[in-house]
Amino acid sequence: MLTEQDAEVPAYSVLAMLVETSGGLDRWLRAWATATSPVANQRLAEAFGTWEYDLLRDDLPWRTWSLTDDQEEALRAELTGWLLQHAPARLRMIGADPDLLDRIRLLGIPCPARWDDPHWPDHAY
């Protein structure tokens, strides 16, 4: 999934399924942290591009069936922290769009200051 050039299912969809079935995110993020190939980094860019709208609103970027609101919030916080730590350098290595990198930076700014940042994306309103 993370290193296959022609994966049939997007990595972010597989991750959501794995989290739903296992109830946890940590082991899957550890696996992604060790997969540092250009393809894995591209999968990270694709995932954040799909997740950004929800994450910038402090929501988990996929729907769950069995988790409580508190559990979802814990997963969102864990995913956000992981992205802030791992994504910037990895996305720079593949020449990702600077706007994507800036939106990851916004995750580290608490709301409502995040909304007042001059780089807050128009589509997030």
C-alpha atoms as a PDB file:
ATOM      1  CA  MET A   1       0.000   0.000   0.000  1.00  0.00           C
ATOM      2  CA  LEU A   2       2.624   2.577   1.004  1.00  0.00           C
ATOM      3  CA  THR A   3       5.354   1.523  -1.378  1.00  0.00           C
ATOM      4  CA  GLU A   4       3.391   0.083  -4.300  1.00  0.00           C
ATOM      5  CA  GLN A   5       3.444   2.444  -7.258  1.00  0.00           C
ATOM      6  CA  ASP A   6       0.107   1.214  -8.596  1.00  0.00           C
ATOM      7  CA  ALA A   7      -1.801   0.494  -5.374  1.00  0.00           C
ATOM      8  CA  GLU A   8      -5.465  -0.152  -6.099  1.00  0.00           C
ATOM      9  CA  VAL A   9      -6.710   1.386  -2.842  1.00  0.00           C
ATOM     10  CA  PRO A  10      -5.427   4.728  -1.536  1.00  0.00           C
ATOM     11  CA  ALA A  11      -3.221   4.480   1.534  1.00  0.00           C
ATOM     12  CA  TYR A  12      -5.482   6.846   3.483  1.00  0.00           C
ATOM     13  CA  SER A  13      -8.458   4.513   2.909  1.00  0.00           C
ATOM     14  CA  VAL A  14      -6.492   1.492   4.042  1.00  0.00           C
ATOM     15  CA  LEU A  15      -5.301   3.372   7.119  1.00  0.00           C
ATOM     16  CA  ALA A  16      -8.867   4.283   8.080  1.00  0.00           C
ATOM     17  CA  MET A  17      -9.928   0.649   7.713  1.00  0.00           C
ATOM     18  CA  LEU A  18      -6.994  -0.589   9.796  1.00  0.00           C
ATOM     19  CA  VAL A  19      -7.733   1.929  12.534  1.00  0.00           C
ATOM     20  CA  GLU A  20     -11.414   0.987  12.546  1.00  0.00           C
ATOM     21  CA  THR A  21     -10.678  -2.728  12.846  1.00  0.00           C
ATOM     22  CA  SER A  22      -7.829  -2.420  15.355  1.00  0.00           C
ATOM     23  CA  GLY A  23      -9.063   0.577  17.342  1.00  0.00           C
ATOM     24  CA  GLY A  24      -5.620   2.166  17.264  1.00  0.00           C
ATOM     25  CA  LEU A  25      -3.436   4.342  15.109  1.00  0.00           C
ATOM     26  CA  ASP A  26       0.004   4.125  16.703  1.00  0.00           C
ATOM     27  CA  ARG A  27       1.305   0.935  15.090  1.00  0.00           C
ATOM     28  CA  TRP A  28       0.144   2.016  11.633  1.00  0.00           C
ATOM     29  CA  LEU A  29       1.812   5.410  11.949  1.00  0.00           C
ATOM     30  CA  ARG A  30       5.020   3.715  13.154  1.00  0.00           C
ATOM     31  CA  ALA A  31       4.944   1.599   9.987  1.00  0.00           C
ATOM     32  CA  TRP A  32       4.442   4.702   7.848  1.00  0.00           C
ATOM     33  CA  ALA A  33       7.292   6.445   9.672  1.00  0.00           C
ATOM     34  CA  THR A  34       9.675   3.678   8.611  1.00  0.00           C
ATOM     35  CA  ALA A  35       8.436   3.649   5.004  1.00  0.00           C
ATOM     36  CA  THR A  36      10.392   6.616   3.667  1.00  0.00           C
ATOM     37  CA  SER A  37      10.580   5.891  -0.042  1.00  0.00           C
ATOM     38  CA  PRO A  38       9.466   8.542  -2.524  1.00  0.00           C
ATOM     39  CA  VAL A  39       6.292   6.508  -3.150  1.00  0.00           C
ATOM     40  CA  ALA A  40       5.487   6.379   0.584  1.00  0.00           C
ATOM     41  CA  ASN A  41       6.096  10.121   0.787  1.00  0.00           C
ATOM     42  CA  GLN A  42       3.792  10.682  -2.176  1.00  0.00           C
ATOM     43  CA  ARG A  43       1.137   8.604  -0.395  1.00  0.00           C
ATOM     44  CA  LEU A  44       1.566  10.941   2.581  1.00  0.00           C
ATOM     45  CA  ALA A  45       0.989  13.979   0.355  1.00  0.00           C
ATOM     46  CA  GLU A  46      -2.121  12.341  -1.112  1.00  0.00           C
ATOM     47  CA  ALA A  47      -3.423  11.462   2.337  1.00  0.00           C
ATOM     48  CA  PHE A  48      -2.994  14.940   3.742  1.00  0.00           C
ATOM     49  CA  GLY A  49      -4.495  16.444   0.608  1.00  0.00           C
ATOM     50  CA  THR A  50      -7.583  14.349   1.314  1.00  0.00           C
ATOM     51  CA  TRP A  51      -7.570  14.893   5.092  1.00  0.00           C
ATOM     52  CA  GLU A  52      -6.691  18.577   5.337  1.00  0.00           C
ATOM     53  CA  TYR A  53     -10.219  19.988   5.269  1.00  0.00           C
ATOM     54  CA  ASP A  54     -11.273  17.900   8.276  1.00  0.00           C
ATOM     55  CA  LEU A  55      -8.012  18.169  10.193  1.00  0.00           C
ATOM     56  CA  LEU A  56      -7.929  21.950   9.880  1.00  0.00           C
ATOM     57  CA  ARG A  57     -11.364  21.934  11.527  1.00  0.00           C
ATOM     58  CA  ASP A  58     -10.043  19.638  14.281  1.00  0.00           C
ATOM     59  CA  ASP A  59     -12.074  16.675  13.038  1.00  0.00           C
ATOM     60  CA  LEU A  60     -10.926  13.121  12.402  1.00  0.00           C
ATOM     61  CA  PRO A  61     -10.718  12.816   8.600  1.00  0.00           C
ATOM     62  CA  TRP A  62     -12.703   9.593   8.358  1.00  0.00           C
ATOM     63  CA  ARG A  63     -15.912   8.316   9.858  1.00  0.00           C
ATOM     64  CA  THR A  64     -15.861   5.601  12.487  1.00  0.00           C
ATOM     65  CA  TRP A  65     -18.500   3.071  13.460  1.00  0.00           C
ATOM     66  CA  SER A  66     -17.607   2.080  16.974  1.00  0.00           C
ATOM     67  CA  LEU A  67     -15.491   4.802  18.567  1.00  0.00           C
ATOM     68  CA  THR A  68     -16.674   7.401  21.038  1.00  0.00           C
ATOM     69  CA  ASP A  69     -16.185  11.117  20.456  1.00  0.00           C
ATOM     70  CA  ASP A  70     -13.315  11.081  22.966  1.00  0.00           C
ATOM     71  CA  GLN A  71     -11.633   8.186  21.165  1.00  0.00           C
ATOM     72  CA  GLU A  72     -12.018   9.947  17.826  1.00  0.00           C
ATOM     73  CA  GLU A  73     -10.516  13.115  19.301  1.00  0.00           C
ATOM     74  CA  ALA A  74      -7.570  11.136  20.657  1.00  0.00           C
ATOM     75  CA  LEU A  75      -6.964   9.631  17.204  1.00  0.00           C
ATOM     76  CA  ARG A  76      -7.213  13.046  15.551  1.00  0.00           C
ATOM     77  CA  ALA A  77      -4.720  14.517  18.010  1.00  0.00           C
ATOM     78  CA  GLU A  78      -2.346  11.579  17.466  1.00  0.00           C
ATOM     79  CA  LEU A  79      -2.590  11.865  13.674  1.00  0.00           C
ATOM     80  CA  THR A  80      -2.111  15.629  13.781  1.00  0.00           C
ATOM     81  CA  GLY A  81       0.942  15.321  16.018  1.00  0.00           C
ATOM     82  CA  TRP A  82       2.422  12.666  13.749  1.00  0.00           C
ATOM     83  CA  LEU A  83       1.858  14.808  10.660  1.00  0.00           C
ATOM     84  CA  LEU A  84       3.456  17.839  12.295  1.00  0.00           C
ATOM     85  CA  GLN A  85       6.506  15.757  13.198  1.00  0.00           C
ATOM     86  CA  HIS A  86       6.954  13.682  10.041  1.00  0.00           C
ATOM     87  CA  ALA A  87       5.242  15.281   7.076  1.00  0.00           C
ATOM     88  CA  PRO A  88       7.106  18.563   6.461  1.00  0.00           C
ATOM     89  CA  ALA A  89      10.544  17.072   5.789  1.00  0.00           C
ATOM     90  CA  ARG A  90       9.151  14.132   3.851  1.00  0.00           C
ATOM     91  CA  LEU A  91       6.986  16.307   1.649  1.00  0.00           C
ATOM     92  CA  ARG A  92       9.855  18.706   0.964  1.00  0.00           C
ATOM     93  CA  MET A  93      11.911  15.714  -0.235  1.00  0.00           C
ATOM     94  CA  ILE A  94       9.368  15.020  -2.990  1.00  0.00           C
ATOM     95  CA  GLY A  95       8.912  18.672  -3.919  1.00  0.00           C
ATOM     96  CA  ALA A  96       5.362  18.922  -2.603  1.00  0.00           C
ATOM     97  CA  ASP A  97       3.344  22.054  -3.197  1.00  0.00           C
ATOM     98  CA  PRO A  98       4.414  24.744  -0.686  1.00  0.00           C
ATOM     99  CA  ASP A  99       0.729  25.447   0.000  1.00  0.00           C
ATOM    100  CA  LEU A 100       0.319  21.864   1.220  1.00  0.00           C
ATOM    101  CA  LEU A 101       3.274  22.327   3.554  1.00  0.00           C
ATOM    102  CA  ASP A 102       1.798  25.563   4.836  1.00  0.00           C
ATOM    103  CA  ARG A 103      -1.514  23.861   5.612  1.00  0.00           C
ATOM    104  CA  ILE A 104       0.355  21.257   7.657  1.00  0.00           C
ATOM    105  CA  ARG A 105       2.000  24.124   9.534  1.00  0.00           C
ATOM    106  CA  LEU A 106      -1.462  25.484  10.292  1.00  0.00           C
ATOM    107  CA  LEU A 107      -2.268  22.279  12.171  1.00  0.00           C
ATOM    108  CA  GLY A 108       0.215  23.363  14.826  1.00  0.00           C
ATOM    109  CA  ILE A 109      -1.602  26.634  15.472  1.00  0.00           C
ATOM    110  CA  PRO A 110      -4.494  26.411  17.922  1.00  0.00           C
ATOM    111  CA  CYS A 111      -7.935  27.577  16.859  1.00  0.00           C
ATOM    112  CA  PRO A 112      -9.077  30.345  16.529  1.00  0.00           C
ATOM    113  CA  ALA A 113      -5.602  31.804  15.825  1.00  0.00           C
ATOM    114  CA  ARG A 114      -5.337  29.280  12.993  1.00  0.00           C
ATOM    115  CA  TRP A 115      -8.318  30.878  11.254  1.00  0.00           C
ATOM    116  CA  ASP A 116      -6.693  34.317  11.438  1.00  0.00           C
ATOM    117  CA  ASP A 117      -3.451  33.144   9.823  1.00  0.00           C
ATOM    118  CA  PRO A 118      -2.911  34.872   6.454  1.00  0.00           C
ATOM    119  CA  HIS A 119      -2.363  31.449   4.852  1.00  0.00           C
ATOM    120  CA  TRP A 120      -5.688  29.989   6.021  1.00  0.00           C
ATOM    121  CA  PRO A 121      -7.080  28.285   2.881  1.00  0.00           C
ATOM    122  CA  ASP A 122     -10.217  29.769   1.365  1.00  0.00           C
ATOM    123  CA  HIS A 123     -11.753  26.334   0.865  1.00  0.00           C
ATOM    124  CA  ALA A 124     -11.686  25.676   4.611  1.00  0.00           C
ATOM    125  CA  TYR A 125     -14.464  28.174   5.315  1.00  0.00           C
END
